[in-house]
Protein backbone atom coordinates (compact mmCIF):
# COMPACT_ATOMS: atom_id res chain seq x y z
CA MET A 1 -0.11 0.29 -0.18
CA GLN A 2 2.71 2.18 0.82
CA VAL A 3 4.58 1.56 -2.45
CA GLU A 4 1.21 2.33 -4.47
CA GLN A 5 0.90 5.40 -2.64
CA HIS A 6 4.32 6.26 -3.35
CA SER A 7 4.02 5.74 -6.68
CA GLN A 8 0.84 7.96 -6.99
CA ASP A 9 2.40 10.92 -5.63
CA GLN A 10 4.99 10.93 -8.07
CA SER A 11 2.42 10.41 -10.70
CA LEU A 12 0.47 13.84 -9.58
CA PRO A 13 3.62 16.41 -10.61
CA ALA A 14 4.10 14.70 -14.18
CA ALA A 15 0.47 15.00 -14.87
CA GLY A 16 0.89 18.46 -13.98
CA LEU A 17 3.47 19.06 -16.08
CA GLU A 18 1.84 17.98 -19.15
CA THR A 19 -1.24 20.05 -18.34
CA ALA A 20 0.93 22.83 -17.80
CA ARG A 21 2.70 22.06 -21.30
CA PRO A 22 0.10 22.78 -23.46
CA LEU A 23 -1.36 25.89 -21.64
CA ASN A 24 2.21 27.28 -21.72
CA GLY A 25 2.32 26.48 -25.87
CA ARG A 26 -1.49 27.92 -26.21
CA TRP A 27 -0.11 31.16 -24.30
CA ARG A 28 2.87 31.84 -26.15
CA ARG A 29 1.26 31.31 -29.40
CA LEU A 30 -1.70 33.55 -28.25
CA SER A 31 1.45 35.87 -27.31
CA ALA A 32 2.84 35.85 -30.79
CA ARG A 33 -0.24 36.57 -32.75
CA THR A 34 -0.99 39.52 -30.21
CA GLU A 35 2.49 41.07 -30.81
CA GLN A 36 1.81 40.27 -34.54
CA MET A 37 -1.75 41.99 -34.64
CA ALA A 38 -0.24 44.94 -32.57
CA GLY A 39 2.43 45.32 -35.02
CA ASN A 40 0.05 45.44 -38.14
CA VAL A 41 -2.17 47.77 -36.28
CA PHE A 42 0.61 50.05 -35.84
CA ILE A 43 1.92 49.90 -39.41
CA LEU A 44 -1.77 50.23 -40.73
CA PRO A 45 -1.73 54.13 -40.51
CA ALA A 46 1.33 54.68 -42.38
CA VAL A 47 0.69 52.26 -45.20
CA LEU A 48 -2.76 54.16 -45.50
CA VAL A 49 -0.90 57.17 -45.63
CA VAL A 50 1.36 56.01 -48.56
CA LEU A 51 -1.83 54.42 -50.37
CA PHE A 52 -3.72 57.71 -49.99
CA LEU A 53 -0.55 59.71 -51.16
CA SER A 54 0.82 57.60 -53.62
CA ILE A 55 -1.00 55.02 -55.08
CA PHE A 56 -4.37 56.54 -54.96
CA PRO A 57 -3.20 59.40 -57.46
CA LEU A 58 -2.06 57.25 -59.58
CA VAL A 59 -5.14 55.41 -60.15
CA VAL A 60 -7.18 58.49 -60.31
CA SER A 61 -4.72 59.83 -62.69
CA LEU A 62 -4.77 56.66 -64.88
CA TYR A 63 -8.56 56.67 -64.84
CA LEU A 64 -8.49 60.60 -66.35
CA SER A 65 -6.28 59.84 -68.85
CA LEU A 66 -9.07 57.41 -70.22
CA SER A 67 -11.69 59.97 -69.66
CA ARG A 68 -12.62 63.52 -70.99
CA LEU A 69 -13.98 66.11 -69.02
CA LYS A 70 -17.07 67.85 -70.03
CA PHE A 71 -18.83 70.83 -68.29
CA VAL A 72 -22.77 70.78 -68.10
CA LYS A 73 -25.30 72.70 -66.50
CA GLY A 74 -24.73 72.75 -62.39
CA GLY A 75 -21.26 71.02 -62.50
CA PHE A 76 -19.39 68.40 -64.83
CA GLU A 77 -19.37 64.84 -66.19
CA ILE A 78 -16.33 62.82 -66.50
CA ASN A 79 -17.07 60.39 -69.57
CA PHE A 80 -14.77 57.29 -70.13
CA VAL A 81 -13.26 57.62 -73.96
CA GLY A 82 -10.53 54.78 -73.38
CA LEU A 83 -7.28 55.36 -75.40
CA ALA A 84 -8.44 58.23 -77.36
CA ASN A 85 -6.40 60.77 -75.07
CA TYR A 86 -3.14 58.56 -75.90
CA ARG A 87 -4.45 58.28 -79.46
CA LYS A 88 -4.46 61.95 -79.90
CA LEU A 89 -1.10 62.69 -78.52
CA LEU A 90 0.54 59.78 -81.10
CA ALA A 91 -1.80 59.99 -84.14
CA GLY A 92 -4.26 62.73 -83.44
CA SER A 93 -4.24 66.33 -83.18
CA GLU A 94 -1.71 66.88 -80.91
CA LYS A 95 1.13 64.55 -82.63
CA THR A 96 3.11 67.56 -84.15
CA HIS A 97 2.91 69.31 -80.29
CA PHE A 98 3.82 65.60 -78.77
CA LEU A 99 6.05 64.01 -81.17
CA GLY A 100 7.08 66.83 -83.53
CA ALA A 101 6.71 67.47 -87.39
CA MET A 102 8.98 64.72 -89.33
CA ALA A 103 10.71 64.74 -92.31
CA ASN A 104 13.08 62.67 -94.19
CA PRO A 105 16.11 61.92 -92.47
CA SER A 106 19.23 63.57 -93.98
CA PRO A 107 22.78 61.31 -94.64
CA LEU A 108 24.04 62.43 -91.42
CA GLY A 109 20.48 61.17 -89.57
CA TRP A 110 20.84 57.91 -91.86
CA LEU A 111 24.25 57.44 -90.77
CA VAL A 112 23.52 57.97 -87.04
CA PHE A 113 20.50 55.68 -87.36
CA GLY A 114 22.53 52.78 -88.97
CA VAL A 115 25.38 52.85 -86.41
CA VAL A 116 22.64 52.56 -83.82
CA VAL A 117 21.04 49.31 -84.89
CA ALA A 118 24.46 48.09 -85.53
CA LEU A 119 25.51 48.29 -82.23
CA MET A 120 21.91 46.99 -80.75
CA VAL A 121 22.48 44.06 -83.41
CA TRP A 122 26.02 43.65 -82.05
CA GLU A 123 24.76 43.45 -78.48
CA MET A 124 22.10 41.52 -78.88
CA VAL A 125 24.37 39.01 -80.63
CA ARG A 126 26.52 38.82 -77.68
CA TYR A 127 23.92 38.38 -75.14
CA VAL A 128 23.07 35.14 -77.08
CA ARG A 129 26.11 33.97 -76.99
CA SER A 130 27.03 34.48 -73.62
CA ARG A 131 26.47 32.64 -70.60
CA ARG A 132 23.61 34.65 -69.16
CA PHE A 133 21.45 33.99 -72.06
CA SER A 134 18.15 33.19 -71.42
CA VAL A 135 14.48 33.21 -73.17
CA MET A 136 12.65 35.70 -71.42
CA GLY A 137 16.04 37.83 -71.05
CA LEU A 138 15.96 37.69 -74.85
CA PHE A 139 12.42 38.99 -74.89
CA TRP A 140 13.22 42.00 -72.66
CA ARG A 141 16.14 42.85 -74.42
CA SER A 142 14.12 42.88 -78.01
CA LEU A 143 11.60 44.76 -76.60
CA ALA A 144 14.13 47.51 -75.27
CA ALA A 145 16.20 47.48 -78.22
CA VAL A 146 12.69 48.00 -80.23
CA LEU A 147 11.35 51.11 -78.38
CA PHE A 148 15.03 52.46 -78.21
CA GLY A 149 15.24 52.15 -82.04
CA LEU A 150 11.80 53.87 -82.50
CA GLY A 151 13.46 56.78 -79.93
CA VAL A 152 16.35 57.07 -82.29
CA TRP A 153 14.03 57.21 -85.24
CA LEU A 154 12.00 60.06 -83.39
CA LEU A 155 15.33 61.87 -82.92
CA VAL A 156 16.58 61.56 -86.76
CA ARG A 157 13.12 62.15 -88.26
CA THR A 158 12.43 65.36 -85.89
CA LEU A 159 15.69 66.51 -86.23
CA SER A 160 16.50 66.79 -89.83
CA PRO A 161 16.10 69.50 -91.94
CA GLY A 162 12.52 70.54 -92.33
CA GLY A 163 11.65 68.74 -89.50
CA ARG A 164 10.34 70.06 -86.05
CA PRO A 165 11.03 68.03 -82.38
CA GLY A 166 8.00 68.04 -80.28
CA THR A 167 7.97 68.10 -76.39
CA MET A 168 9.03 64.67 -76.54
CA VAL A 169 12.30 64.99 -77.91
CA VAL A 170 12.82 68.33 -76.67
CA THR A 171 12.74 66.87 -73.21
CA TRP A 172 15.05 64.29 -74.27
CA ILE A 173 17.39 67.26 -75.49
CA TYR A 174 17.05 68.97 -71.72
CA VAL A 175 17.63 65.59 -69.67
CA PHE A 176 20.59 63.72 -71.99
CA VAL A 177 22.44 66.77 -72.95
CA GLY A 178 22.17 68.41 -69.61
CA ALA A 179 22.76 65.29 -67.42
CA ALA A 180 26.09 64.85 -69.68
CA VAL A 181 27.34 68.30 -69.48
CA GLN A 182 26.16 68.64 -65.94
CA TYR A 183 28.67 65.49 -64.93
CA ALA A 184 31.47 66.26 -66.81
CA LEU A 185 31.76 70.12 -65.56
CA GLY A 186 30.74 68.84 -61.54
CA LEU A 187 33.42 65.93 -62.49
CA CYS A 188 35.75 68.30 -63.73
CA LEU A 189 35.29 70.97 -60.66
CA ALA A 190 35.54 68.19 -57.87
CA LEU A 191 39.15 66.79 -59.77
CA LEU A 192 40.34 70.93 -59.71
CA VAL A 193 39.02 71.24 -56.11
CA THR A 194 40.78 68.04 -54.72
CA GLN A 195 44.19 69.22 -56.18
CA HIS A 196 46.28 71.33 -53.56
CA LEU A 197 45.67 74.81 -55.18
CA PRO A 198 45.33 77.90 -53.09
CA GLY A 199 41.58 79.35 -52.71
CA ARG A 200 40.41 75.76 -53.04
CA ARG A 201 37.88 75.94 -50.12
CA PHE A 202 36.66 79.29 -51.35
CA PHE A 203 35.37 77.80 -54.70
CA ARG A 204 34.02 74.77 -52.86
CA VAL A 205 31.93 77.56 -51.09
CA VAL A 206 31.21 79.51 -54.70
CA PHE A 207 30.44 76.63 -56.84
CA LEU A 208 27.77 75.70 -54.69
CA LEU A 209 25.92 79.27 -54.83
CA PRO A 210 23.58 78.08 -57.76
CA MET A 211 22.17 75.34 -55.94
CA MET A 212 20.90 77.50 -53.61
CA ILE A 213 18.76 79.61 -55.76
CA THR A 214 15.15 78.29 -56.50
CA PRO A 215 14.49 77.66 -60.13
CA VAL A 216 12.23 80.48 -60.55
CA GLY A 217 14.80 82.70 -59.39
CA VAL A 218 17.28 81.24 -61.70
CA ALA A 219 14.82 81.09 -64.59
CA TYR A 220 14.37 84.92 -64.42
CA MET A 221 18.19 85.68 -63.95
CA PHE A 222 18.79 83.94 -67.10
CA ARG A 223 15.62 86.12 -68.54
CA MET A 224 17.60 89.04 -67.59
CA LEU A 225 20.84 87.58 -69.31
CA VAL A 226 19.69 86.68 -72.65
CA ASP A 227 17.98 90.20 -72.94
CA THR A 228 20.66 91.59 -75.40
CA ASP A 229 18.51 94.88 -75.38
CA LYS A 230 18.24 95.79 -71.72
CA GLY A 231 20.37 92.76 -69.88
CA PRO A 232 23.45 93.11 -67.84
CA PHE A 233 25.34 92.01 -70.55
CA GLN A 234 23.88 94.36 -73.71
CA PRO A 235 27.22 96.09 -73.63
CA ILE A 236 29.20 92.92 -74.82
CA TRP A 237 26.46 91.87 -76.98
CA GLN A 238 26.64 95.26 -78.46
CA ALA A 239 30.31 94.79 -79.30
CA LEU A 240 29.92 91.41 -80.84
CA GLY A 241 27.21 92.64 -83.25
CA LEU A 242 24.38 91.00 -81.34
CA GLY A 243 22.21 93.72 -80.32
CA LEU A 244 19.59 92.84 -82.35
CA PHE A 245 19.72 89.18 -81.86
CA SER A 246 17.00 87.92 -79.54
CA TRP A 247 17.73 84.19 -78.00
CA VAL A 248 13.83 83.58 -77.27
CA ASN A 249 12.87 84.39 -80.74
CA ASP A 250 15.41 81.30 -82.15
CA PRO A 251 14.03 78.34 -81.35
CA TRP A 252 17.39 76.49 -80.88
CA GLY A 253 18.48 79.63 -79.09
CA ALA A 254 15.56 79.37 -76.51
CA ARG A 255 16.38 75.67 -76.04
CA ALA A 256 20.13 76.44 -75.49
CA ALA A 257 19.13 79.06 -72.93
CA VAL A 258 16.93 76.67 -71.01
CA VAL A 259 19.60 74.07 -71.25
CA ILE A 260 22.44 76.49 -70.03
CA GLY A 261 20.28 77.86 -67.16
CA ASP A 262 19.75 74.33 -66.12
CA ILE A 263 23.20 73.35 -66.30
CA TRP A 264 24.34 76.59 -64.45
CA GLN A 265 21.83 75.36 -61.61
CA TRP A 266 22.35 71.43 -61.45
CA THR A 267 26.21 71.43 -61.62
CA PRO A 268 26.42 72.05 -58.03
CA PHE A 269 24.79 69.07 -57.51
CA MET A 270 27.22 66.97 -59.37
CA PHE A 271 30.25 68.49 -58.00
CA ILE A 272 29.42 68.10 -54.10
CA VAL A 273 28.45 64.46 -54.46
CA LEU A 274 31.27 63.74 -56.69
CA LEU A 275 33.49 65.60 -54.59
CA ALA A 276 32.86 63.47 -51.65
CA ALA A 277 33.40 60.30 -53.47
CA LEU A 278 36.86 61.30 -54.63
CA GLU A 279 37.70 62.42 -50.84
CA GLY A 280 36.57 59.07 -50.17
CA GLN A 281 38.87 56.82 -52.09
CA SER A 282 41.46 54.92 -51.47
CA VAL A 283 45.12 57.21 -51.50
CA GLU A 284 47.31 53.97 -50.91
CA LEU A 285 46.35 52.75 -54.43
CA ILE A 286 47.37 55.98 -56.12
CA GLU A 287 50.59 56.70 -54.12
CA ALA A 288 51.21 52.80 -55.12
CA ALA A 289 50.41 53.92 -59.08
CA LEU A 290 52.63 57.01 -58.98
CA VAL A 291 55.68 55.24 -57.20
CA ASP A 292 55.43 52.55 -60.27
CA GLY A 293 55.47 55.28 -62.59
CA ALA A 294 51.90 56.09 -63.86
CA ASN A 295 51.03 59.16 -64.97
CA ARG A 296 47.82 61.50 -63.91
CA TRP A 297 45.63 60.32 -67.00
CA GLN A 298 46.28 56.43 -65.89
CA VAL A 299 45.75 57.15 -62.41
CA PHE A 300 42.73 58.74 -63.19
CA TRP A 301 41.21 56.22 -65.76
CA HIS A 302 42.32 52.60 -64.05
CA ILE A 303 42.04 53.85 -60.41
CA THR A 304 39.81 56.93 -59.46
CA LEU A 305 36.98 56.18 -62.34
CA PRO A 306 36.45 52.73 -61.54
CA GLN A 307 36.29 53.52 -57.16
CA ILE A 308 33.96 56.37 -58.08
CA LEU A 309 31.46 54.50 -61.21
CA PRO A 310 29.32 53.32 -58.13
CA VAL A 311 27.94 56.89 -57.28
CA SER A 312 28.62 57.99 -60.48
CA THR A 313 25.89 55.86 -61.88
CA THR A 314 23.63 56.49 -59.15
CA LEU A 315 24.09 60.47 -59.10
CA VAL A 316 23.63 60.34 -63.09
CA LEU A 317 20.23 58.18 -62.80
CA ILE A 318 18.69 60.62 -59.82
CA ARG A 319 19.65 63.76 -61.82
CA VAL A 320 18.02 61.92 -65.01
CA ILE A 321 15.09 61.40 -63.30
CA GLU A 322 14.70 64.56 -62.11
CA ALA A 323 15.61 66.61 -65.26
CA PHE A 324 12.23 64.84 -66.49
CA LYS A 325 10.12 66.92 -64.58
CA ILE A 326 11.85 70.25 -65.75
CA ILE A 327 9.03 72.65 -66.00
CA ASP A 328 10.07 76.22 -63.98
CA LEU A 329 12.87 77.05 -66.32
CA PRO A 330 11.18 76.73 -70.01
CA ASN A 331 8.07 78.12 -68.45
CA ILE A 332 9.44 81.42 -67.05
CA LEU A 333 12.56 81.82 -69.25
CA THR A 334 10.42 81.28 -72.69
CA ASN A 335 6.86 80.24 -71.64
CA GLY A 336 7.47 77.24 -73.86
CA GLY A 337 8.33 79.63 -76.86
CA PRO A 338 8.29 80.61 -79.56
CA GLY A 339 5.92 78.73 -80.46
CA THR A 340 5.73 75.32 -78.73
CA ALA A 341 9.72 74.96 -79.15
CA THR A 342 11.03 74.75 -75.65
CA GLU A 343 7.74 73.10 -73.75
CA SER A 344 8.87 69.90 -71.70
CA LEU A 345 6.13 67.22 -71.21
CA THR A 346 5.91 68.79 -67.76
CA LEU A 347 5.01 71.92 -69.08
CA GLN A 348 2.84 70.62 -71.76
CA ALA A 349 0.79 68.56 -69.30
CA PHE A 350 0.55 71.78 -66.80
CA ILE A 351 -0.78 73.95 -69.69
CA SER A 352 -3.35 71.38 -70.85
CA TRP A 353 -4.79 71.14 -66.91
CA ARG A 354 -4.76 74.93 -66.72
CA THR A 355 -7.16 74.66 -70.28
CA LEU A 356 -9.20 72.08 -68.16
CA ASP A 357 -8.58 69.24 -70.64
CA LEU A 358 -7.63 66.83 -67.79
CA GLY A 359 -7.52 63.94 -69.58
CA THR A 360 -4.57 64.99 -72.31
CA SER A 361 -2.96 66.01 -69.30
CA ALA A 362 -3.10 62.86 -67.32
CA ALA A 363 -2.14 60.98 -70.38
CA ILE A 364 0.81 63.15 -71.37
CA ALA A 365 1.81 62.78 -67.82
CA TYR A 366 1.65 58.80 -67.99
CA MET A 367 3.44 58.92 -71.17
CA LEU A 368 6.15 60.65 -69.24
CA LEU A 369 6.01 57.93 -66.83
CA PHE A 370 6.56 54.96 -69.56
CA VAL A 371 9.40 56.76 -70.77
CA VAL A 372 10.98 57.38 -67.48
CA THR A 373 10.46 54.24 -66.19
CA PHE A 374 11.84 52.33 -69.27
CA VAL A 375 14.82 54.99 -69.43
CA GLY A 376 15.44 54.12 -65.61
CA ILE A 377 15.22 50.27 -66.01
CA SER A 378 17.24 49.85 -68.94
CA TYR A 379 20.10 52.31 -67.39
CA VAL A 380 20.44 50.32 -64.31
CA SER A 381 20.38 47.12 -66.41
CA LEU A 382 22.90 48.38 -68.48
CA VAL A 383 25.09 50.06 -65.66
CA ARG A 384 24.56 46.97 -63.19
CA GLN A 385 26.16 44.92 -66.36
CA ARG A 386 29.20 47.37 -66.73
CA VAL A 387 30.09 47.69 -63.13
CA ALA A 388 29.98 44.24 -62.59
CA GLU A 389 32.22 43.63 -65.48
CA VAL A 390 34.74 46.52 -63.98
CA TRP A 391 34.81 45.19 -60.71
């Protein structure tokens, strides 16, 4: 009897442990679920704000790009018209405004287009023979090549004699010419300031001044500078025989004025980022190369440039995306003129919105979104491959 009582007393704690373990497991699962729900509850307001400020406007603008605003008695109506707004931009009444007036390509234009097509074919053949080849990769590269070829063909036809570039081509001119010159000038200034020259600290501050001025201020300033009759450079223009010449009355002169103003404003941004990248590069490699007899150009091309390449690629991408949204300079400096010669896509969308043509304005904005997305993805894919090859 005592043995049986003792065995029963030993079984009681074991039974209690078996009962407590499921309770502890359930409590832990319940606690984990509660913590997860609490995290979701705390994140939900931020998610709703992001959806309201970014996703919701995209959806609404997409619907507006497929609709047409009509004023009626007591208010307005928004009627769904499908792709009519896009068709108007690409093949309708706004074609010459959006794409431009096309002419037969000149011999130089044919040469440029032929070189571009040959380079694309060579790149496709190179990809097919590489180890990275895949069917989907070939499909996306073929699609990108076709779109890029159409863009080059549009450039060739609208920039040939007898043609006239539309807002799409004008925007490309602002973006690619401006970004290339800004990067080159910013890199040269950064390399100059890193040298042990007298007054380099003073010039570091001076080079940043244009970036501190608002785009509207820059536009008004260049509007005065290009005025050959009343501007501060009027004596110089008179001495050069350009007193009666007006930049803003000539299409290419007005575009040049916009590009110069944009370069003057955004070169400091390139300069300050590239200066930080140059000052953060490895000094030991440069010193070792100089000891081995390398000249300055070899040091820059084989050591400095590869080290700042990741920073440079990101910097150019940011500037290209930002340049697609240019509106202040052409709006204030030239008011989009003469005619529509200096209108960017953003300015065209703004003018359409101001005239209450909301459908066309939203369609232009979405066309700009498609172009920026294509350029950004193509640039990232191309640069990522080149950077991987360098490193």
